[in-house]
Every structure is written in structure tokens, then in C-alpha cells.
N, C-alpha and C. Protein backbone atom coordinates (compact mmCIF):
# COMPACT_ATOMS: atom_id res chain seq x y z
N MET A 1 68.74 135.64 55.05
CA MET A 1 68.70 135.09 53.70
C MET A 1 68.72 133.57 53.78
N ARG A 2 68.00 132.97 52.89
CA ARG A 2 67.99 131.51 52.75
C ARG A 2 68.26 131.21 51.29
N THR A 3 69.22 130.33 51.04
CA THR A 3 69.47 129.95 49.65
C THR A 3 68.36 129.01 49.19
N ALA A 4 68.24 128.85 47.90
CA ALA A 4 67.21 127.95 47.35
C ALA A 4 67.39 126.52 47.85
N GLU A 5 68.63 126.17 48.20
CA GLU A 5 68.93 124.82 48.68
C GLU A 5 68.73 124.68 50.18
N GLY A 6 68.39 125.79 50.86
CA GLY A 6 68.03 125.73 52.27
C GLY A 6 69.07 126.17 53.28
N LEU A 7 70.20 126.73 52.85
CA LEU A 7 71.21 127.19 53.79
C LEU A 7 70.79 128.54 54.37
N VAL A 8 70.93 128.68 55.69
CA VAL A 8 70.58 129.92 56.38
C VAL A 8 71.73 130.37 57.28
N GLU A 9 71.71 131.67 57.63
CA GLU A 9 72.67 132.16 58.60
C GLU A 9 72.47 131.40 59.90
N GLY A 10 73.58 131.06 60.56
CA GLY A 10 73.52 130.28 61.78
C GLY A 10 73.68 128.79 61.56
N ALA A 11 73.61 128.34 60.30
CA ALA A 11 73.82 126.92 59.99
C ALA A 11 75.24 126.53 60.36
N THR A 12 75.45 125.26 60.62
CA THR A 12 76.78 124.77 60.99
C THR A 12 77.65 124.53 59.75
N TYR A 13 78.94 124.43 60.00
CA TYR A 13 79.88 124.10 58.92
C TYR A 13 79.47 122.78 58.27
N ALA A 14 79.06 121.80 59.07
CA ALA A 14 78.64 120.51 58.52
C ALA A 14 77.46 120.67 57.56
N GLU A 15 76.53 121.56 57.88
CA GLU A 15 75.40 121.80 56.99
C GLU A 15 75.85 122.45 55.68
N VAL A 16 76.81 123.38 55.77
CA VAL A 16 77.37 123.99 54.56
C VAL A 16 77.93 122.90 53.65
N LYS A 17 78.74 122.01 54.20
CA LYS A 17 79.37 120.96 53.40
C LYS A 17 78.37 119.94 52.89
N ARG A 18 77.29 119.71 53.62
CA ARG A 18 76.26 118.78 53.15
C ARG A 18 75.53 119.38 51.96
N ILE A 19 75.18 120.67 52.06
CA ILE A 19 74.42 121.32 51.00
C ILE A 19 75.31 121.70 49.82
N TYR A 20 76.52 122.19 50.13
CA TYR A 20 77.47 122.63 49.11
C TYR A 20 78.82 121.94 49.32
N PRO A 21 78.94 120.69 48.91
CA PRO A 21 80.18 119.95 49.17
C PRO A 21 81.42 120.59 48.54
N ASN A 22 81.24 121.46 47.55
CA ASN A 22 82.39 122.10 46.91
C ASN A 22 82.83 123.39 47.61
N TRP A 23 82.14 123.79 48.70
CA TRP A 23 82.54 125.00 49.42
C TRP A 23 83.91 124.78 50.03
N VAL A 24 84.80 125.75 49.80
CA VAL A 24 86.15 125.73 50.35
C VAL A 24 86.45 127.12 50.85
N SER A 25 87.03 127.22 52.03
CA SER A 25 87.41 128.52 52.57
C SER A 25 88.55 129.12 51.76
N ALA A 26 88.38 130.37 51.35
CA ALA A 26 89.43 131.08 50.62
C ALA A 26 90.28 131.91 51.58
N THR A 27 89.80 132.11 52.80
CA THR A 27 90.51 132.91 53.79
C THR A 27 90.30 132.31 55.17
N GLY A 28 90.99 132.89 56.12
CA GLY A 28 90.74 132.53 57.52
C GLY A 28 91.52 131.34 57.99
N ASP A 29 91.26 130.99 59.23
CA ASP A 29 91.92 129.87 59.89
C ASP A 29 90.92 128.75 60.07
N GLY A 30 91.24 127.84 60.96
CA GLY A 30 90.30 126.78 61.26
C GLY A 30 90.45 125.57 60.36
N GLY A 31 91.65 125.37 59.79
CA GLY A 31 91.86 124.19 58.97
C GLY A 31 90.99 124.13 57.74
N GLY A 32 90.70 125.29 57.15
CA GLY A 32 89.85 125.32 55.96
C GLY A 32 88.37 125.30 56.25
N LYS A 33 88.01 125.34 57.53
CA LYS A 33 86.60 125.29 57.91
C LYS A 33 86.04 126.66 58.25
N GLU A 34 86.88 127.70 58.20
CA GLU A 34 86.43 129.04 58.55
C GLU A 34 86.91 130.05 57.54
N GLY A 35 86.20 131.16 57.46
CA GLY A 35 86.51 132.21 56.51
C GLY A 35 85.41 132.30 55.48
N HIS A 36 85.74 132.88 54.34
CA HIS A 36 84.71 132.95 53.30
C HIS A 36 85.12 132.11 52.10
N GLY A 37 84.11 131.63 51.43
CA GLY A 37 84.31 130.85 50.22
C GLY A 37 83.10 131.05 49.33
N VAL A 38 83.21 130.65 48.10
CA VAL A 38 82.10 130.81 47.16
C VAL A 38 81.72 129.46 46.56
N VAL A 39 80.45 129.36 46.21
CA VAL A 39 79.93 128.18 45.52
C VAL A 39 79.01 128.67 44.40
N ASP A 40 78.97 127.93 43.33
CA ASP A 40 78.10 128.28 42.21
C ASP A 40 76.63 128.22 42.63
N VAL A 41 75.84 129.09 42.04
CA VAL A 41 74.40 129.08 42.25
C VAL A 41 73.81 128.11 41.24
N PRO A 42 73.18 127.03 41.70
CA PRO A 42 72.59 126.09 40.75
C PRO A 42 71.60 126.79 39.81
N GLY A 43 71.77 126.56 38.52
CA GLY A 43 70.86 127.13 37.53
C GLY A 43 71.22 128.54 37.10
N ASN A 44 72.30 129.12 37.64
CA ASN A 44 72.69 130.48 37.25
C ASN A 44 74.21 130.52 37.07
N ALA A 45 74.66 130.35 35.85
CA ALA A 45 76.09 130.28 35.56
C ALA A 45 76.81 131.61 35.79
N LYS A 46 76.07 132.70 35.97
CA LYS A 46 76.69 134.02 36.16
C LYS A 46 76.82 134.43 37.62
N ALA A 47 76.36 133.59 38.54
CA ALA A 47 76.33 133.99 39.94
C ALA A 47 76.91 132.92 40.86
N HIS A 48 77.31 133.38 42.04
CA HIS A 48 77.71 132.46 43.10
C HIS A 48 77.25 133.02 44.45
N TYR A 49 77.21 132.11 45.43
CA TYR A 49 76.95 132.51 46.80
C TYR A 49 78.30 132.69 47.48
N ARG A 50 78.47 133.78 48.21
CA ARG A 50 79.62 133.93 49.11
C ARG A 50 79.09 133.55 50.48
N ILE A 51 79.74 132.56 51.08
CA ILE A 51 79.32 132.05 52.38
C ILE A 51 80.47 132.26 53.35
N ASP A 52 80.20 133.01 54.43
CA ASP A 52 81.20 133.28 55.46
C ASP A 52 80.92 132.42 56.68
N VAL A 53 81.92 131.64 57.09
CA VAL A 53 81.79 130.74 58.24
C VAL A 53 82.82 131.16 59.29
N PHE A 54 82.34 131.41 60.51
CA PHE A 54 83.21 131.74 61.62
C PHE A 54 82.71 131.06 62.88
N GLN A 55 83.65 130.53 63.66
CA GLN A 55 83.33 129.80 64.88
C GLN A 55 82.33 128.68 64.62
N GLY A 56 82.50 128.02 63.46
CA GLY A 56 81.71 126.85 63.12
C GLY A 56 80.31 127.11 62.61
N LYS A 57 79.94 128.39 62.42
CA LYS A 57 78.59 128.72 61.97
C LYS A 57 78.62 129.71 60.81
N VAL A 58 77.59 129.66 59.97
CA VAL A 58 77.45 130.61 58.87
C VAL A 58 77.13 131.98 59.46
N ARG A 59 78.00 132.94 59.19
CA ARG A 59 77.78 134.30 59.68
C ARG A 59 77.05 135.14 58.65
N SER A 60 77.33 134.90 57.36
CA SER A 60 76.62 135.66 56.34
C SER A 60 76.61 134.88 55.03
N ILE A 61 75.59 135.19 54.22
CA ILE A 61 75.44 134.63 52.88
C ILE A 61 75.10 135.79 51.96
N SER A 62 75.76 135.85 50.82
CA SER A 62 75.40 136.87 49.85
C SER A 62 75.39 136.27 48.45
N LEU A 63 74.57 136.84 47.60
CA LEU A 63 74.48 136.44 46.21
C LEU A 63 75.27 137.46 45.40
N GLN A 64 76.22 136.99 44.59
CA GLN A 64 77.09 137.89 43.85
C GLN A 64 77.24 137.44 42.41
N LEU A 65 77.46 138.41 41.53
CA LEU A 65 77.86 138.08 40.17
C LEU A 65 79.27 137.55 40.20
N LYS A 66 79.58 136.59 39.35
CA LYS A 66 80.93 136.03 39.33
C LYS A 66 81.97 137.06 38.93
N ASN A 67 81.60 138.01 38.09
CA ASN A 67 82.56 139.02 37.65
C ASN A 67 82.41 140.32 38.41
N GLN A 68 81.77 140.27 39.57
CA GLN A 68 81.56 141.46 40.40
C GLN A 68 82.91 141.98 40.89
N ASP A 69 83.16 143.28 40.70
CA ASP A 69 84.45 143.82 41.14
C ASP A 69 84.30 144.98 42.11
N CYS A 70 83.10 145.27 42.55
CA CYS A 70 82.86 146.35 43.51
C CYS A 70 81.90 145.84 44.56
N TYR A 71 82.26 145.99 45.83
CA TYR A 71 81.44 145.46 46.91
C TYR A 71 80.85 146.52 47.80
N GLU A 72 81.10 147.77 47.59
CA GLU A 72 80.59 148.84 48.44
C GLU A 72 79.84 149.84 47.62
């Protein structure tokens, strides 16, 4: 997956912060640089990207509704 702003799986933490400066880890270790966090999708007030960062790289990106309550 590639976001409209150009983020791809395998991107570095630095690239995440450059593209989405408001990304903050909600879980995990690594001084706030690892785990998953969400950022708003530009132009879509009802959605956000969940971005998972582990070992300094983007492991996964998903597009989710902000009020999504079921993931399986």
C-alpha cells in the first residue's frame, strides 16, 4: 500500500515523521518511535491511516474509519 502522500511499507521512521509530523506511537517501545499510531487522511474527515513502525521501519499501513470498532 502507498498512501496518497507517498508513504510505503519499509519506509523509515524519519520518513513517517516527514510526511506525517503528527504521527505519534500509541503503543510499543522505542521512545515513542515504535508501535502503531494513527494520522488523519488528508481530505477525508471520516478516516485515518494506522501506521505500524517496528525496528525503525514501517511494517504496515491500513486505511480505517475513525469510528471503526471491529478489525477482524
